[in-house]
């Protein structure tokens, strides 16, 4: 998009930027539409959106970006990226103690929302409105040490 707020279509003008939050459980229609564009994705019908997105990131088919640094997240690290780390004592067969790092894994059951950032345009030739998705963020639940949900934060961003 140009600095003047123009879309790729030169006869369209930017109306507004918009952010929409969707419940991941209500996005099954997204998966049902995937095989139309890529028939191999038929196997994913019935998979929830966060599971599918994490799977595709892990396989390198889509790229997730760290929110703070804007750098790509390695696909193999998506399940533990920016998750808490703890050191635990591990005993070997002889009883010797060795420190080991344990990283919490990302669980999609705690990713109930998808935030979509899009731009809305008016096509001056047809008089029709349309949107262009700029990015999506999977929102992850933030919990207290007692297990109480206190809010949501983006786990990562996927640009379009």
Protein backbone atom coordinates (compact mmCIF):
# COMPACT_ATOMS: atom_id res chain seq x y z
CA UNK A 1 0.00 0.00 0.00
CA UNK A 2 1.28 3.45 -0.80
CA UNK A 3 1.78 6.26 1.69
CA UNK A 4 -1.42 7.91 0.39
CA UNK A 5 -3.52 5.00 1.64
CA UNK A 6 -4.02 3.41 -1.77
CA UNK A 7 -4.50 -0.31 -2.20
CA UNK A 8 -2.85 -2.34 -4.94
CA UNK A 9 -5.89 -1.33 -7.00
CA UNK A 10 -5.14 2.28 -7.96
CA UNK A 11 -8.85 3.17 -8.01
CA UNK A 12 -9.39 2.22 -4.37
CA UNK A 13 -9.05 4.35 -1.28
CA UNK A 14 -8.34 3.25 2.28
CA UNK A 15 -11.40 3.64 4.48
CA UNK A 16 -9.97 2.35 7.75
CA UNK A 17 -7.65 -0.07 9.53
CA UNK A 18 -9.56 -2.69 11.49
CA UNK A 19 -8.76 -5.35 14.08
CA UNK A 20 -11.17 -8.23 14.61
CA UNK A 21 -10.99 -10.99 17.20
CA UNK A 22 -12.50 -14.36 16.34
CA UNK A 23 -12.95 -17.38 18.56
CA UNK A 24 -10.76 -20.15 17.19
CA UNK A 25 -13.58 -22.64 17.79
CA UNK A 26 -15.80 -20.68 15.39
CA UNK A 27 -13.30 -20.73 12.52
CA UNK A 28 -13.93 -24.24 11.23
CA UNK A 29 -15.15 -22.69 7.95
CA UNK A 30 -11.55 -21.64 7.25
CA UNK A 31 -10.36 -25.23 7.24
CA UNK A 32 -13.32 -26.43 5.18
CA UNK A 33 -12.35 -23.93 2.46
CA UNK A 34 -8.66 -24.94 2.32
CA UNK A 35 -9.01 -27.94 -0.06
CA UNK A 36 -10.47 -25.65 -2.75
CA UNK A 37 -7.05 -24.00 -3.06
CA UNK A 38 -4.87 -26.96 -2.12
CA UNK A 39 -6.58 -30.39 -2.27
CA UNK A 40 -3.80 -32.00 -0.19
CA UNK A 41 -5.13 -30.09 2.83
CA UNK A 42 -8.34 -32.20 2.84
CA UNK A 43 -6.71 -34.31 5.57
CA UNK A 44 -6.92 -31.33 7.94
CA UNK A 45 -10.73 -31.07 7.90
CA UNK A 46 -11.78 -31.46 11.53
CA UNK A 47 -8.50 -30.03 12.87
CA UNK A 48 -8.84 -26.87 14.96
CA UNK A 49 -7.27 -23.69 13.58
CA UNK A 50 -4.50 -23.24 16.19
CA UNK A 51 -3.37 -26.88 15.72
CA UNK A 52 -3.30 -26.48 11.95
CA UNK A 53 -1.43 -23.16 12.06
CA UNK A 54 1.22 -24.49 14.47
CA UNK A 55 1.60 -27.63 12.34
CA UNK A 56 2.10 -25.57 9.16
CA UNK A 57 4.62 -23.31 10.92
CA UNK A 58 6.54 -26.32 12.23
CA UNK A 59 6.68 -27.78 8.69
CA UNK A 60 7.88 -24.43 7.29
CA UNK A 61 4.81 -23.92 5.10
CA UNK A 62 3.98 -20.59 6.74
CA UNK A 63 6.27 -18.21 8.63
CA UNK A 64 5.54 -16.94 12.12
CA UNK A 65 7.16 -13.71 13.27
CA UNK A 66 8.16 -12.72 16.80
CA UNK A 67 5.98 -9.80 17.89
CA UNK A 68 8.76 -7.89 19.68
CA UNK A 69 11.68 -8.40 17.29
CA UNK A 70 9.83 -8.81 13.97
CA UNK A 71 12.21 -11.72 13.23
CA UNK A 72 11.04 -15.08 11.86
CA UNK A 73 10.57 -17.86 14.41
CA UNK A 74 12.26 -21.15 13.45
CA UNK A 75 9.48 -23.63 12.70
CA UNK A 76 10.94 -26.35 14.92
CA UNK A 77 10.85 -23.94 17.90
CA UNK A 78 7.24 -22.76 17.54
CA UNK A 79 5.92 -24.94 20.37
CA UNK A 80 8.44 -23.56 22.90
CA UNK A 81 9.12 -20.04 21.55
CA UNK A 82 9.05 -17.48 24.40
CA UNK A 83 7.69 -20.04 26.85
CA UNK A 84 8.91 -20.27 30.48
CA UNK A 85 12.11 -22.21 31.17
CA UNK A 86 13.07 -23.93 34.42
CA UNK A 87 16.12 -25.82 35.64
CA UNK A 88 15.57 -29.21 37.23
CA UNK A 89 17.92 -31.75 38.76
CA UNK A 90 18.21 -34.98 36.80
CA UNK A 91 19.84 -38.07 38.27
CA UNK A 92 21.85 -40.44 36.11
CA UNK A 93 22.01 -44.20 36.64
CA UNK A 94 24.85 -43.77 39.19
CA UNK A 95 22.94 -41.21 41.25
CA UNK A 96 24.94 -38.21 40.02
CA UNK A 97 23.01 -34.97 39.70
CA UNK A 98 23.00 -33.01 36.47
CA UNK A 99 21.03 -29.82 35.75
CA UNK A 100 18.65 -29.92 32.83
CA UNK A 101 16.55 -27.17 31.24
CA UNK A 102 12.84 -27.83 30.82
CA UNK A 103 10.79 -25.55 28.57
CA UNK A 104 7.04 -25.27 28.81
CA UNK A 105 5.31 -26.28 25.57
CA UNK A 106 2.66 -24.26 23.80
CA UNK A 107 -0.74 -25.96 23.98
CA UNK A 108 -3.42 -24.96 21.49
CA UNK A 109 -6.17 -25.43 24.07
CA UNK A 110 -4.88 -22.16 25.58
CA UNK A 111 -5.07 -20.33 22.23
CA UNK A 112 -8.80 -19.62 21.96
CA UNK A 113 -8.69 -16.45 19.83
CA UNK A 114 -7.34 -15.24 16.53
CA UNK A 115 -6.82 -11.52 16.01
CA UNK A 116 -7.01 -10.32 12.40
CA UNK A 117 -5.63 -6.95 11.28
CA UNK A 118 -7.03 -5.79 7.97
CA UNK A 119 -7.47 -2.69 5.86
CA UNK A 120 -10.86 -1.80 4.38
CA UNK A 121 -11.00 -0.13 0.97
CA UNK A 122 -13.63 1.40 -1.28
CA UNK A 123 -13.24 0.55 -4.97
CA UNK A 124 -14.11 3.84 -6.67
CA UNK A 125 -14.97 2.12 -9.98
CA UNK A 126 -17.51 -0.36 -8.59
CA UNK A 127 -18.54 1.33 -5.33
CA UNK A 128 -17.85 -1.91 -3.45
CA UNK A 129 -15.99 -2.33 -0.17
CA UNK A 130 -13.33 -5.01 0.25
CA UNK A 131 -10.68 -5.87 2.81
CA UNK A 132 -7.05 -6.95 2.66
CA UNK A 133 -5.75 -8.98 5.59
CA UNK A 134 -2.35 -7.65 6.69
CA UNK A 135 -1.60 -10.13 9.48
CA UNK A 136 -3.10 -12.50 12.02
CA UNK A 137 -2.07 -13.23 15.60
CA UNK A 138 -2.91 -16.32 17.63
CA UNK A 139 -3.86 -15.10 21.08
CA UNK A 140 -2.58 -17.12 24.02
CA UNK A 141 -4.09 -17.16 27.50
CA UNK A 142 -2.04 -15.55 30.28
CA UNK A 143 -2.52 -17.19 33.68
CA UNK A 144 -1.51 -16.38 37.25
CA UNK A 145 0.59 -18.88 39.21
CA UNK A 146 -2.71 -20.10 40.71
CA UNK A 147 -4.11 -20.88 37.26
CA UNK A 148 -6.50 -17.93 36.90
CA UNK A 149 -6.90 -16.44 33.43
CA UNK A 150 -5.98 -12.75 33.50
CA UNK A 151 -6.04 -11.97 29.79
CA UNK A 152 -4.64 -12.76 26.36
CA UNK A 153 -1.46 -11.84 24.53
CA UNK A 154 -0.33 -12.56 20.97
CA UNK A 155 1.92 -15.62 20.72
CA UNK A 156 3.27 -14.61 17.29
CA UNK A 157 2.24 -12.86 14.08
CA UNK A 158 1.74 -14.21 10.56
CA UNK A 159 2.00 -11.62 7.78
CA UNK A 160 0.10 -11.87 4.49
